[in-house]
Amino acid sequence: MKVKINKGKNRLYLEISGNVSKKALDNLYTDIRFAVADLQPGFSLINDLTECKLCHITGIATYKKISNFLVANGVRDVVRIIKSDSLVIKQFLNFASRYTEYIPIYVHTLQEAEEQLDNADQKSRLIFRFSNLPPVEYFSKGIKGEGRVHDIATSGCRINSATVPPEINEQLDLALAFNAPENDPKTFCVKAYVVESQNDEFAVEYKDLDDDEETRFWQYLLREFEHESQHFHVQASLS
C-alpha cells in the first residue's frame, strides 16, 4: 500500500498491490486520512490497481468506509488504473452493482490518468450509483412517465425501466426523489433534455441550472450517499 499527494495539483495517489486483507485496508484508511488533511476540497484521486490481485471479503466494510471518507471530504474525480482482465476489477464492479457507490474513470496507465485529470472540467463532480432511490417522474410531451435512476450527477442522469421512452433532444420536466431524511423537500425538480434514448433507457443533461441550484443539488446527492452508506454499515454489521 502506498499513499502520496501532490499539493500543487491537489491530487491523492494510491497504489495497491498483492492480496489485500482487512488489516491492510485498515492501515490504508489511516494513511488516507492523514494525506487528505493536506489537500483542499475538490481534490482528485488516482488509484493504481494494476498489481492488485484480490480483495478479501472481510475488507469490504473498510473499503466502503474509505469511499465514504473520500466523498465526505470533497473528492471531485476518481480515476482507477487497471488491467482489463484483473480479478479485483471484477470484484469492484460486482460490489458497485449491488451497493451505493461513485463511478470512477477507468484507464490503463498513469499517463492516461494524469491526462484525464489535467484536462477535466474544474466543475466536474462524481457520478453516483444509488441502490435504492424512489422512482423518478418525468413528463414527455405532456404524458407522465416513471423510471429508475441508474446513475446520477450534477450535470445529468441515466434512467432505465422508462414507462414512456422519450426521443433524443426532447425536453423533459424531471422530479428526482430522494430517501435521505434531511432532504426537505425530498424532490428536486429540474428541466432536462434527452441526449441518449434506446428502448426503455435514456440519458439526460440538466438545463439552466445556476450555481446555487447546482450546489443545492450536490448537497442532495451527498446526503443521499451518506444515508445509503449508513444503511450499508447496518446491514454489514448484521450479516
Protein backbone atom coordinates (compact mmCIF):
# COMPACT_ATOMS: atom_id res chain seq x y z
CA MET A 1 0.00 0.00 0.00
CA LYS A 2 1.42 3.38 -0.99
CA VAL A 3 -0.19 6.77 -0.38
CA LYS A 4 1.21 10.09 -1.61
CA ILE A 5 -0.07 13.52 -2.55
CA ASN A 6 0.72 16.31 -4.98
CA LYS A 7 -0.30 19.56 -3.28
CA GLY A 8 0.25 21.61 -6.43
CA LYS A 9 -2.26 19.54 -8.36
CA ASN A 10 -4.41 18.89 -5.27
CA ARG A 11 -4.17 15.19 -6.04
CA LEU A 12 -4.12 11.99 -4.00
CA TYR A 13 -2.34 8.86 -5.26
CA LEU A 14 -2.98 5.32 -4.04
CA GLU A 15 -1.06 2.26 -5.15
CA ILE A 16 -2.50 -1.06 -4.01
CA SER A 17 -0.84 -4.36 -4.84
CA GLY A 18 -0.97 -8.05 -3.94
CA ASN A 19 -3.74 -9.73 -1.96
CA VAL A 20 -5.45 -7.08 0.15
CA SER A 21 -6.52 -8.05 3.68
CA LYS A 22 -8.81 -6.19 6.06
CA LYS A 23 -5.80 -5.21 8.18
CA ALA A 24 -4.06 -3.72 5.14
CA LEU A 25 -7.17 -1.73 4.26
CA ASP A 26 -7.48 -0.50 7.86
CA ASN A 27 -3.90 0.78 7.66
CA LEU A 28 -4.62 2.33 4.28
CA TYR A 29 -7.64 4.14 5.72
CA THR A 30 -5.43 5.69 8.41
CA ASP A 31 -2.84 6.79 5.85
CA ILE A 32 -5.53 8.29 3.59
CA ARG A 33 -6.96 10.37 6.43
CA PHE A 34 -3.54 11.89 7.13
CA ALA A 35 -2.93 12.55 3.42
CA VAL A 36 -6.32 14.17 2.74
CA ALA A 37 -5.74 16.56 5.64
CA ASP A 38 -3.06 18.22 3.45
CA LEU A 39 -5.37 18.60 0.44
CA GLN A 40 -8.18 21.02 -0.37
CA PRO A 41 -11.82 20.03 -1.02
CA GLY A 42 -12.18 19.33 -4.72
CA PHE A 43 -9.09 17.10 -4.77
CA SER A 44 -8.79 14.30 -7.30
CA LEU A 45 -7.71 10.69 -6.79
CA ILE A 46 -5.62 8.31 -8.88
CA ASN A 47 -5.88 4.73 -7.63
CA ASP A 48 -3.38 2.31 -9.23
CA LEU A 49 -4.74 -1.25 -9.04
CA THR A 50 -2.63 -2.81 -11.78
CA GLU A 51 -0.75 -5.04 -9.31
CA CYS A 52 -3.70 -5.74 -7.03
CA LYS A 53 -4.66 -9.41 -7.16
CA LEU A 54 -7.55 -9.90 -4.74
CA CYS A 55 -9.50 -8.00 -2.09
CA HIS A 56 -10.65 -10.23 0.77
CA ILE A 57 -14.36 -10.16 1.54
CA THR A 58 -13.64 -9.16 5.16
CA GLY A 59 -12.27 -5.85 3.92
CA ILE A 60 -15.42 -4.71 2.09
CA ALA A 61 -16.74 -2.67 5.03
CA THR A 62 -13.39 -0.87 5.34
CA TYR A 63 -13.28 -0.26 1.58
CA LYS A 64 -16.74 1.30 1.82
CA LYS A 65 -15.58 3.41 4.78
CA ILE A 66 -12.69 4.72 2.67
CA SER A 67 -15.10 5.62 -0.16
CA ASN A 68 -17.39 7.42 2.29
CA PHE A 69 -14.47 9.36 3.77
CA LEU A 70 -13.26 10.50 0.35
CA VAL A 71 -16.73 11.70 -0.67
CA ALA A 72 -17.35 13.45 2.65
CA ASN A 73 -14.03 15.28 2.34
CA GLY A 74 -14.64 16.59 -1.15
CA VAL A 75 -13.09 14.23 -3.70
CA ARG A 76 -14.09 15.54 -7.13
CA ASP A 77 -12.78 13.00 -9.64
CA VAL A 78 -11.63 9.41 -9.20
CA VAL A 79 -9.50 7.55 -11.75
CA ARG A 80 -8.58 3.88 -11.41
CA ILE A 81 -5.64 2.36 -13.29
CA ILE A 82 -6.43 -1.26 -14.09
CA LYS A 83 -5.61 -4.31 -16.14
CA SER A 84 -8.67 -5.23 -18.16
CA ASP A 85 -8.55 -8.90 -17.12
CA SER A 86 -7.96 -8.23 -13.42
CA LEU A 87 -9.96 -10.28 -10.90
CA VAL A 88 -10.05 -7.39 -8.44
CA ILE A 89 -11.77 -5.18 -11.04
CA LYS A 90 -14.49 -7.79 -11.39
CA GLN A 91 -14.83 -7.65 -7.60
CA PHE A 92 -15.14 -3.86 -7.64
CA LEU A 93 -17.72 -3.94 -10.44
CA ASN A 94 -19.73 -6.61 -8.67
CA PHE A 95 -19.67 -4.57 -5.46
CA ALA A 96 -20.66 -1.36 -7.24
CA SER A 97 -23.63 -3.04 -8.90
CA ARG A 98 -25.05 -4.07 -5.52
CA TYR A 99 -24.40 -1.07 -3.31
CA THR A 100 -24.32 2.70 -3.41
CA GLU A 101 -21.05 3.81 -4.97
CA TYR A 102 -19.40 6.51 -7.03
CA ILE A 103 -18.45 5.68 -10.60
CA PRO A 104 -14.74 6.18 -11.38
CA ILE A 105 -12.97 6.67 -14.68
CA TYR A 106 -11.01 3.57 -15.76
CA VAL A 107 -7.69 3.84 -17.63
CA HIS A 108 -4.70 1.56 -18.22
CA THR A 109 -1.69 3.78 -17.48
CA LEU A 110 -0.62 6.52 -15.07
CA GLN A 111 -0.07 8.85 -18.01
CA GLU A 112 -3.68 8.37 -19.14
CA ALA A 113 -4.85 9.06 -15.59
CA GLU A 114 -2.87 12.28 -15.31
CA GLU A 115 -4.10 13.46 -18.72
CA GLN A 116 -7.73 12.74 -17.79
CA LEU A 117 -7.46 14.87 -14.66
CA ASP A 118 -5.31 17.62 -16.17
CA ASN A 119 -7.94 18.10 -18.89
CA ALA A 120 -11.01 17.70 -16.66
CA ASP A 121 -13.58 20.44 -16.30
CA GLN A 122 -12.92 22.12 -12.95
CA LYS A 123 -16.65 21.92 -12.21
CA SER A 124 -16.82 18.18 -12.82
CA ARG A 125 -18.04 16.10 -9.92
CA LEU A 126 -18.62 12.48 -9.12
CA ILE A 127 -21.26 10.32 -10.72
CA PHE A 128 -23.16 8.26 -8.15
CA ARG A 129 -24.99 4.97 -8.46
CA PHE A 130 -27.55 4.67 -5.68
CA SER A 131 -29.05 1.32 -4.80
CA ASN A 132 -32.48 2.35 -3.57
CA LEU A 133 -33.72 5.68 -4.94
CA PRO A 134 -37.50 6.14 -5.36
CA PRO A 135 -38.77 6.15 -8.95
CA VAL A 136 -38.11 9.31 -10.96
CA GLU A 137 -41.11 11.01 -12.54
CA TYR A 138 -40.97 12.96 -15.79
CA PHE A 139 -43.28 14.47 -18.37
CA SER A 140 -42.73 13.59 -22.01
CA LYS A 141 -44.96 15.50 -24.45
CA GLY A 142 -47.46 16.05 -21.66
CA ILE A 143 -47.56 12.37 -20.69
CA LYS A 144 -46.32 11.36 -17.25
CA GLY A 145 -43.63 8.67 -17.19
CA GLU A 146 -41.66 6.86 -14.50
CA GLY A 147 -38.30 5.13 -14.40
CA ARG A 148 -35.38 4.17 -12.20
CA VAL A 149 -32.25 6.28 -11.86
CA HIS A 150 -29.28 4.19 -12.98
CA ASP A 151 -26.61 6.81 -12.27
CA ILE A 152 -26.75 10.49 -11.40
CA ALA A 153 -24.54 13.59 -11.20
CA THR A 154 -24.99 17.35 -11.01
CA SER A 155 -24.83 17.54 -14.80
CA GLY A 156 -27.32 14.80 -15.73
CA CYS A 157 -28.53 11.27 -15.09
CA ARG A 158 -29.34 7.98 -16.79
CA ILE A 159 -32.79 6.46 -16.35
CA ASN A 160 -33.88 2.92 -17.15
CA SER A 161 -37.16 0.96 -16.97
CA ALA A 162 -38.83 4.02 -18.51
CA THR A 163 -42.60 3.67 -18.96
CA VAL A 164 -42.69 6.41 -21.64
CA PRO A 165 -39.39 6.39 -23.57
CA PRO A 166 -38.65 9.94 -24.84
CA GLU A 167 -36.95 10.96 -28.06
CA ILE A 168 -33.42 12.38 -28.41
CA ASN A 169 -33.35 16.18 -27.99
CA GLU A 170 -36.75 16.16 -26.31
CA GLN A 171 -37.09 18.46 -23.29
CA LEU A 172 -38.42 16.92 -20.09
CA ASP A 173 -39.54 18.09 -16.67
CA LEU A 174 -37.90 15.76 -14.12
CA ALA A 175 -38.81 15.17 -10.49
CA LEU A 176 -35.87 13.38 -8.83
CA ALA A 177 -36.81 11.88 -5.46
CA PHE A 178 -34.51 11.03 -2.54
CA ASN A 179 -34.71 8.99 0.66
CA ALA A 180 -32.36 10.93 2.97
CA PRO A 181 -34.45 12.35 5.86
CA GLU A 182 -32.52 15.64 5.81
CA ASN A 183 -33.77 16.43 2.31
CA ASP A 184 -36.62 18.89 2.66
CA PRO A 185 -38.33 18.74 0.28
CA LYS A 186 -37.35 15.24 -0.80
CA THR A 187 -37.80 16.00 -4.51
CA PHE A 188 -35.57 18.07 -6.79
CA CYS A 189 -37.33 19.36 -9.92
CA VAL A 190 -35.32 20.30 -12.98
CA LYS A 191 -35.70 20.74 -16.71
CA ALA A 192 -33.55 18.47 -18.87
CA TYR A 193 -33.04 17.46 -22.47
CA VAL A 194 -32.54 13.92 -23.75
CA VAL A 195 -29.06 13.13 -25.11
CA GLU A 196 -29.46 9.35 -25.50
CA SER A 197 -32.51 7.13 -25.87
CA GLN A 198 -32.74 3.42 -26.62
CA ASN A 199 -35.55 1.00 -25.79
CA ASP A 200 -36.58 1.75 -22.18
CA GLU A 201 -33.39 3.59 -21.18
CA PHE A 202 -32.43 7.21 -21.74
CA ALA A 203 -29.90 9.79 -20.54
CA VAL A 204 -30.45 13.48 -19.92
CA GLU A 205 -28.44 16.59 -19.25
CA TYR A 206 -29.97 19.22 -16.98
CA LYS A 207 -30.89 22.59 -18.44
CA ASP A 208 -30.36 26.05 -16.96
CA LEU A 209 -29.09 25.03 -13.51
CA ASP A 210 -27.45 28.07 -11.95
CA ASP A 211 -24.56 27.80 -9.48
CA ASP A 212 -26.82 27.97 -6.41
CA GLU A 213 -29.14 25.25 -7.73
CA GLU A 214 -26.18 23.06 -8.67
CA THR A 215 -24.70 23.46 -5.19
CA ARG A 216 -28.04 22.61 -3.58
CA PHE A 217 -28.41 19.56 -5.81
CA TRP A 218 -24.87 18.43 -4.94
CA GLN A 219 -25.85 18.59 -1.25
CA TYR A 220 -28.84 16.37 -2.02
CA LEU A 221 -26.53 13.81 -3.61
CA LEU A 222 -24.07 13.92 -0.71
CA ARG A 223 -26.81 13.44 1.88
CA GLU A 224 -28.28 10.55 -0.08
CA PHE A 225 -24.84 8.94 -0.37
CA GLU A 226 -24.32 9.27 3.38
CA HIS A 227 -27.83 7.95 4.11
CA GLU A 228 -27.43 4.85 1.95
CA SER A 229 -23.89 4.29 3.24
CA GLN A 230 -25.17 4.24 6.83
CA HIS A 231 -27.70 1.64 5.76
CA PHE A 232 -24.87 -0.40 4.25
CA HIS A 233 -22.93 -0.38 7.55
CA VAL A 234 -26.02 -1.50 9.46
CA GLN A 235 -26.52 -4.36 7.01
CA ALA A 236 -22.83 -5.29 7.13
CA SER A 237 -22.78 -5.37 10.91
CA LEU A 238 -25.82 -7.66 10.94
CA SER A 239 -24.52 -10.09 8.32
